[in-house]
Protein backbone atom coordinates (compact mmCIF):
# COMPACT_ATOMS: atom_id res chain seq x y z
CA MET A 1 -15.12 14.01 -11.28
CA THR A 2 -16.29 17.58 -12.01
CA THR A 3 -13.94 20.42 -12.88
CA THR A 4 -14.56 21.89 -9.43
CA ASP A 5 -13.70 18.57 -7.79
CA ARG A 6 -10.46 18.36 -9.78
CA ARG A 7 -9.48 21.88 -8.77
CA THR A 8 -10.26 21.11 -5.12
CA ALA A 9 -8.16 17.92 -5.23
CA LEU A 10 -5.25 19.69 -6.88
CA ALA A 11 -5.44 22.54 -4.36
CA ALA A 12 -5.35 20.02 -1.55
CA CYS A 13 -2.30 18.38 -3.10
CA ALA A 14 -0.57 21.73 -3.40
CA GLY A 15 -1.10 22.09 0.32
CA LEU A 16 0.50 18.71 0.88
CA PHE A 17 3.55 19.76 -1.13
CA ALA A 18 3.79 22.94 0.94
CA ALA A 19 3.57 20.89 4.12
CA GLY A 20 6.40 18.63 2.91
CA ALA A 21 4.21 15.52 2.81
CA LEU A 22 6.81 13.39 1.07
CA THR A 23 8.43 10.13 2.11
CA THR A 24 10.84 7.58 0.73
CA GLY A 25 9.73 5.03 -1.82
CA CYS A 26 10.82 1.50 -2.64
CA GLY A 27 13.42 2.35 -5.26
CA THR A 28 16.73 0.56 -4.89
CA LYS A 29 18.86 3.57 -5.87
CA GLY A 30 19.31 6.77 -3.95
CA ALA A 31 16.60 6.04 -1.39
CA THR A 32 17.08 7.29 2.14
CA ALA A 33 15.05 6.82 5.25
CA HIS A 34 12.62 9.59 6.17
CA PRO A 35 11.20 10.05 9.67
CA ALA A 36 7.50 9.50 10.08
CA ALA A 37 5.47 12.68 9.75
CA ARG A 38 3.14 13.87 12.46
CA PRO A 39 -0.58 13.09 12.14
CA SER A 40 -2.69 15.85 10.65
CA ALA A 41 -4.48 18.02 13.19
CA SER A 42 -7.47 18.16 10.84
CA ALA A 43 -7.93 14.38 10.86
CA PRO A 44 -7.94 13.25 14.51
CA SER A 45 -7.54 9.62 15.44
CA PRO A 46 -10.60 7.68 16.63
CA PRO A 47 -11.16 7.97 20.41
CA ARG A 48 -9.54 5.25 22.48
CA THR A 49 -10.21 3.99 25.96
CA PRO A 50 -7.06 4.50 28.08
CA GLY A 51 -5.33 1.24 28.88
CA VAL A 52 -7.54 -0.83 26.56
CA ALA A 53 -6.11 -2.16 23.29
CA THR A 54 -8.54 -2.17 20.40
CA VAL A 55 -8.10 -5.39 18.39
CA LEU A 56 -9.77 -5.66 15.01
CA THR A 57 -10.77 -8.83 13.26
CA ALA A 58 -8.83 -9.00 10.01
CA PRO A 59 -8.51 -11.75 7.37
CA ALA A 60 -5.55 -14.10 7.63
CA PRO A 61 -3.27 -14.83 4.67
CA ARG A 62 -4.81 -17.16 2.10
CA ARG A 63 -3.24 -19.87 0.02
CA PHE A 64 -4.24 -19.80 -3.65
CA PRO A 65 -3.82 -23.29 -5.13
CA GLY A 66 -2.16 -23.30 -8.50
CA ARG A 67 -0.54 -19.92 -7.97
CA PRO A 68 3.23 -19.51 -7.46
CA VAL A 69 4.61 -18.37 -4.12
CA GLN A 70 5.56 -15.02 -5.64
CA ILE A 71 2.64 -13.33 -7.39
CA ALA A 72 3.06 -10.36 -9.75
CA HIS A 73 -0.38 -10.26 -11.37
CA GLY A 74 -3.81 -11.86 -11.32
CA PRO A 75 -5.84 -13.59 -14.03
CA ARG A 76 -5.53 -11.67 -17.30
CA ASP A 77 -9.02 -12.60 -18.47
CA ARG A 78 -10.84 -10.76 -15.67
CA PRO A 79 -11.71 -7.04 -15.85
CA ARG A 80 -10.08 -6.31 -12.52
CA VAL A 81 -6.88 -4.64 -11.31
CA ALA A 82 -5.26 -4.24 -7.89
CA LEU A 83 -3.90 -0.87 -6.81
CA THR A 84 -1.38 -1.58 -4.05
CA PHE A 85 0.16 1.07 -1.79
CA HIS A 86 3.35 0.96 0.24
CA GLY A 87 2.16 2.12 3.66
CA GLN A 88 4.52 4.77 4.93
CA GLY A 89 4.64 8.56 5.18
CA ASP A 90 2.32 11.40 6.17
CA PRO A 91 -1.05 9.97 7.26
CA THR A 92 -2.80 12.92 5.58
CA THR A 93 -1.93 11.56 2.15
CA ALA A 94 -2.90 8.04 3.22
CA ARG A 95 -6.36 9.19 4.29
CA ALA A 96 -6.78 11.26 1.11
CA ILE A 97 -5.97 8.25 -1.08
CA LEU A 98 -8.28 5.92 0.84
CA THR A 99 -11.13 8.45 0.73
CA GLU A 100 -10.73 9.03 -3.01
CA ALA A 101 -10.65 5.30 -3.72
CA GLU A 102 -13.80 4.72 -1.69
CA ARG A 103 -15.54 7.62 -3.42
CA HIS A 104 -15.07 5.71 -6.68
CA GLY A 105 -16.16 2.40 -5.16
CA ALA A 106 -12.60 1.08 -5.37
CA ARG A 107 -10.76 -1.08 -2.85
CA VAL A 108 -6.98 -1.15 -2.53
CA THR A 109 -4.21 -3.11 -0.84
CA VAL A 110 -1.94 -1.45 1.71
CA LEU A 111 1.42 -3.02 2.58
CA ALA A 112 2.29 -1.31 5.85
CA VAL A 113 5.74 -0.64 7.28
CA GLY A 114 5.92 -1.66 10.94
CA THR A 115 7.43 1.60 12.19
CA TRP A 116 4.62 3.47 10.40
CA LEU A 117 2.07 1.36 12.25
CA ASP A 118 3.89 2.12 15.51
CA ALA A 119 3.61 5.85 14.79
CA HIS A 120 0.04 5.76 13.44
CA PRO A 121 -1.73 2.66 14.82
CA GLU A 122 -5.17 4.17 14.12
CA LEU A 123 -4.54 3.77 10.37
CA ALA A 124 -4.86 -0.01 10.66
CA ARG A 125 -8.49 0.57 11.69
CA ARG A 126 -9.00 3.13 8.93
CA ILE A 127 -7.72 0.76 6.23
CA LEU A 128 -9.74 -2.24 7.36
CA ASP A 129 -12.92 -0.24 7.97
CA GLY A 130 -12.73 0.89 4.33
CA GLY A 131 -12.81 -2.71 3.13
CA HIS A 132 -9.19 -2.70 1.98
CA ASP A 133 -6.48 -5.36 2.28
CA LEU A 134 -3.75 -4.75 4.87
CA GLY A 135 -0.40 -6.51 4.70
CA ASN A 136 3.25 -6.57 5.77
CA HIS A 137 6.01 -4.46 4.18
CA THR A 138 8.73 -5.25 6.78
CA GLN A 139 9.42 -3.45 10.03
CA HIS A 140 11.95 -0.78 8.98
CA HIS A 141 11.65 -0.63 5.17
CA LEU A 142 15.30 -1.53 4.53
CA ASP A 143 16.75 -3.67 1.73
CA VAL A 144 15.47 -6.98 3.05
CA ASN A 145 17.03 -8.99 0.19
CA ALA A 146 20.51 -7.84 1.27
CA MET A 147 20.12 -8.96 4.89
CA THR A 148 21.29 -12.09 6.63
CA GLU A 149 18.70 -14.79 7.25
CA ALA A 150 18.23 -13.79 10.87
CA GLU A 151 17.94 -10.08 10.05
CA ALA A 152 15.47 -10.62 7.22
CA TYR A 153 13.30 -12.94 9.28
CA ALA A 154 13.20 -10.39 12.12
CA GLU A 155 12.11 -7.67 9.66
CA ILE A 156 9.20 -9.84 8.49
CA THR A 157 8.10 -11.15 11.88
CA ASP A 158 8.46 -7.85 13.74
CA CYS A 159 5.99 -6.23 11.36
CA ALA A 160 3.77 -9.30 11.52
CA ARG A 161 3.59 -8.96 15.30
CA ARG A 162 2.50 -5.32 15.00
CA LEU A 163 -0.24 -6.30 12.58
CA LYS A 164 -1.33 -9.17 14.83
CA ARG A 165 -1.54 -6.90 17.86
CA LEU A 166 -3.54 -4.24 16.01
CA THR A 167 -5.79 -6.43 13.88
CA GLY A 168 -5.74 -10.01 15.13
CA SER A 169 -4.00 -11.14 11.92
CA VAL A 170 -0.49 -10.96 10.47
CA GLY A 171 -2.04 -9.38 7.39
CA THR A 172 -3.19 -10.80 4.10
CA TRP A 173 0.05 -10.31 2.14
CA PHE A 174 3.80 -9.84 2.49
CA ARG A 175 5.77 -7.60 0.12
CA PRO A 176 9.57 -7.21 0.36
CA SER A 177 10.95 -3.73 1.00
CA ARG A 178 13.25 -1.90 -1.43
CA ALA A 179 12.78 -4.58 -4.10
CA ALA A 180 10.24 -5.54 -6.73
CA ARG A 181 10.69 -9.23 -5.97
CA ALA A 182 11.80 -11.23 -2.97
CA SER A 183 15.01 -13.21 -3.17
CA PRO A 184 14.66 -17.01 -2.84
CA LEU A 185 15.75 -16.72 0.81
CA VAL A 186 13.25 -13.97 1.66
CA GLU A 187 10.54 -15.90 -0.17
CA ARG A 188 11.21 -18.93 2.06
CA LEU A 189 11.30 -16.78 5.18
CA ALA A 190 7.96 -15.18 4.33
CA VAL A 191 6.38 -18.61 3.97
CA ARG A 192 7.89 -19.62 7.31
CA ALA A 193 6.39 -16.50 8.89
CA GLY A 194 2.91 -17.51 7.74
CA TYR A 195 2.53 -15.90 4.32
CA PRO A 196 1.77 -18.49 1.60
CA HIS A 197 2.47 -15.89 -1.09
CA VAL A 198 4.77 -12.92 -1.64
CA LEU A 199 3.18 -10.02 -3.48
CA SER A 200 5.09 -8.40 -6.33
CA TYR A 201 3.64 -6.25 -9.16
CA ASP A 202 3.72 -5.81 -12.92
CA VAL A 203 3.04 -2.05 -13.18
CA ASP A 204 5.36 0.47 -11.51
CA PRO A 205 4.91 4.19 -12.29
CA LEU A 206 7.80 5.14 -9.94
CA ASP A 207 5.57 7.63 -8.18
CA PHE A 208 8.08 7.85 -5.31
CA THR A 209 10.40 9.78 -7.65
CA SER A 210 7.79 12.60 -7.75
CA PRO A 211 7.59 12.86 -11.57
CA GLY A 212 4.36 14.89 -11.42
CA ALA A 213 0.74 13.72 -11.26
CA PRO A 214 0.21 13.61 -15.07
CA ALA A 215 3.29 11.41 -15.48
CA VAL A 216 2.10 9.03 -12.75
CA ALA A 217 -1.32 8.73 -14.38
CA ARG A 218 0.15 8.21 -17.88
CA SER A 219 2.53 5.55 -16.64
CA VAL A 220 -0.19 3.59 -14.83
CA LEU A 221 -2.75 3.84 -17.62
CA GLY A 222 -0.23 3.05 -20.34
CA ALA A 223 0.74 -0.26 -18.76
CA VAL A 224 -2.28 -1.48 -16.80
CA ARG A 225 -4.27 -4.45 -18.12
CA GLY A 226 -6.82 -6.83 -16.70
CA GLY A 227 -5.12 -8.69 -13.84
CA SER A 228 -2.45 -6.05 -13.25
CA VAL A 229 -1.01 -5.35 -9.81
CA VAL A 230 0.06 -1.70 -9.63
CA SER A 231 2.73 -0.47 -7.20
CA LEU A 232 1.99 2.95 -5.68
CA HIS A 233 2.90 4.79 -2.48
CA PHE A 234 1.31 6.72 0.34
CA GLY A 235 3.14 9.91 1.26
CA TYR A 236 3.35 11.53 -2.18
CA ALA A 237 1.18 14.41 -3.36
CA ASP A 238 1.67 13.36 -7.01
CA THR A 239 -0.02 10.06 -6.23
CA VAL A 240 -2.97 11.75 -4.54
CA ALA A 241 -3.42 14.12 -7.47
CA ALA A 242 -3.11 11.34 -10.08
CA LEU A 243 -5.58 8.95 -8.46
CA PRO A 244 -8.88 10.54 -9.62
CA ALA A 245 -7.82 10.44 -13.28
CA VAL A 246 -6.56 6.86 -12.91
CA LEU A 247 -9.79 5.66 -11.31
CA GLU A 248 -11.97 7.47 -13.85
CA GLU A 249 -10.09 5.95 -16.77
CA LEU A 250 -10.18 2.46 -15.24
CA ASP A 251 -13.95 2.87 -14.91
CA ARG A 252 -14.17 3.97 -18.55
CA ARG A 253 -12.25 0.87 -19.64
CA GLY A 254 -14.46 -1.39 -17.53
CA LEU A 255 -11.60 -2.32 -15.19
CA ARG A 256 -12.65 -2.58 -11.56
CA ALA A 257 -10.12 -1.70 -8.84
CA VAL A 258 -10.32 -4.43 -6.18
CA THR A 259 -8.20 -5.76 -3.33
CA THR A 260 -5.44 -8.15 -4.27
CA THR A 261 -7.31 -10.94 -2.49
CA GLU A 262 -10.30 -10.32 -4.77
CA LEU A 263 -8.06 -10.08 -7.82
CA ILE A 264 -6.29 -13.38 -7.23
CA GLY A 265 -9.30 -15.21 -5.81
């Protein structure tokens, strides 16, 4: 990225801060729900035919023989990493992250919250058209591990139904909300809902705490290794601003950013 490009990206991020383009992350302490932001007027949704639902063809969940149900990283001997994003928040930041990733030839994994898909259904198309993975991050982004069996199963399957309606698939992955790992109960419920694996991660820069773009980049690059699964979030200007430096350094190290399906497979 040129100096001019960096300045342009940082200026755009400053605009996102000014617009209040922030949302809640997946931390287990002090997190509160945040209403979905309105779509950006500068990035209109694709045209739709009134009364006609547009269904995309999306990959179904895959079973990876020899891998545990709960996966936190891929093979360590491959020069690949997976950047995964919790799908919630202002769609402007989501589009900026997807565009920047694609500009670098990278593909990412988006774990979408069901209410976010309800508010911004066009983003399912945007994610899939970019060649990215799209998965399930529960319907309301609550502490799914603390729920009763019936409540937790509804959180998983309600989001799965949204994904199925929008894409023809329940999504390629399930990730629990407000937790790094699923409890044994939630793990079993995810399998029952059609997800052979639960996706965790081994690198967490805590970008949802808004520590600043340099801190996000340092945290990712200090911990990432071949096979790493990195937890990041849509909805945060720090993440948008940090992404170019992260992708450039991954390229310099010979680490290719791929979807989680590519990483594990």
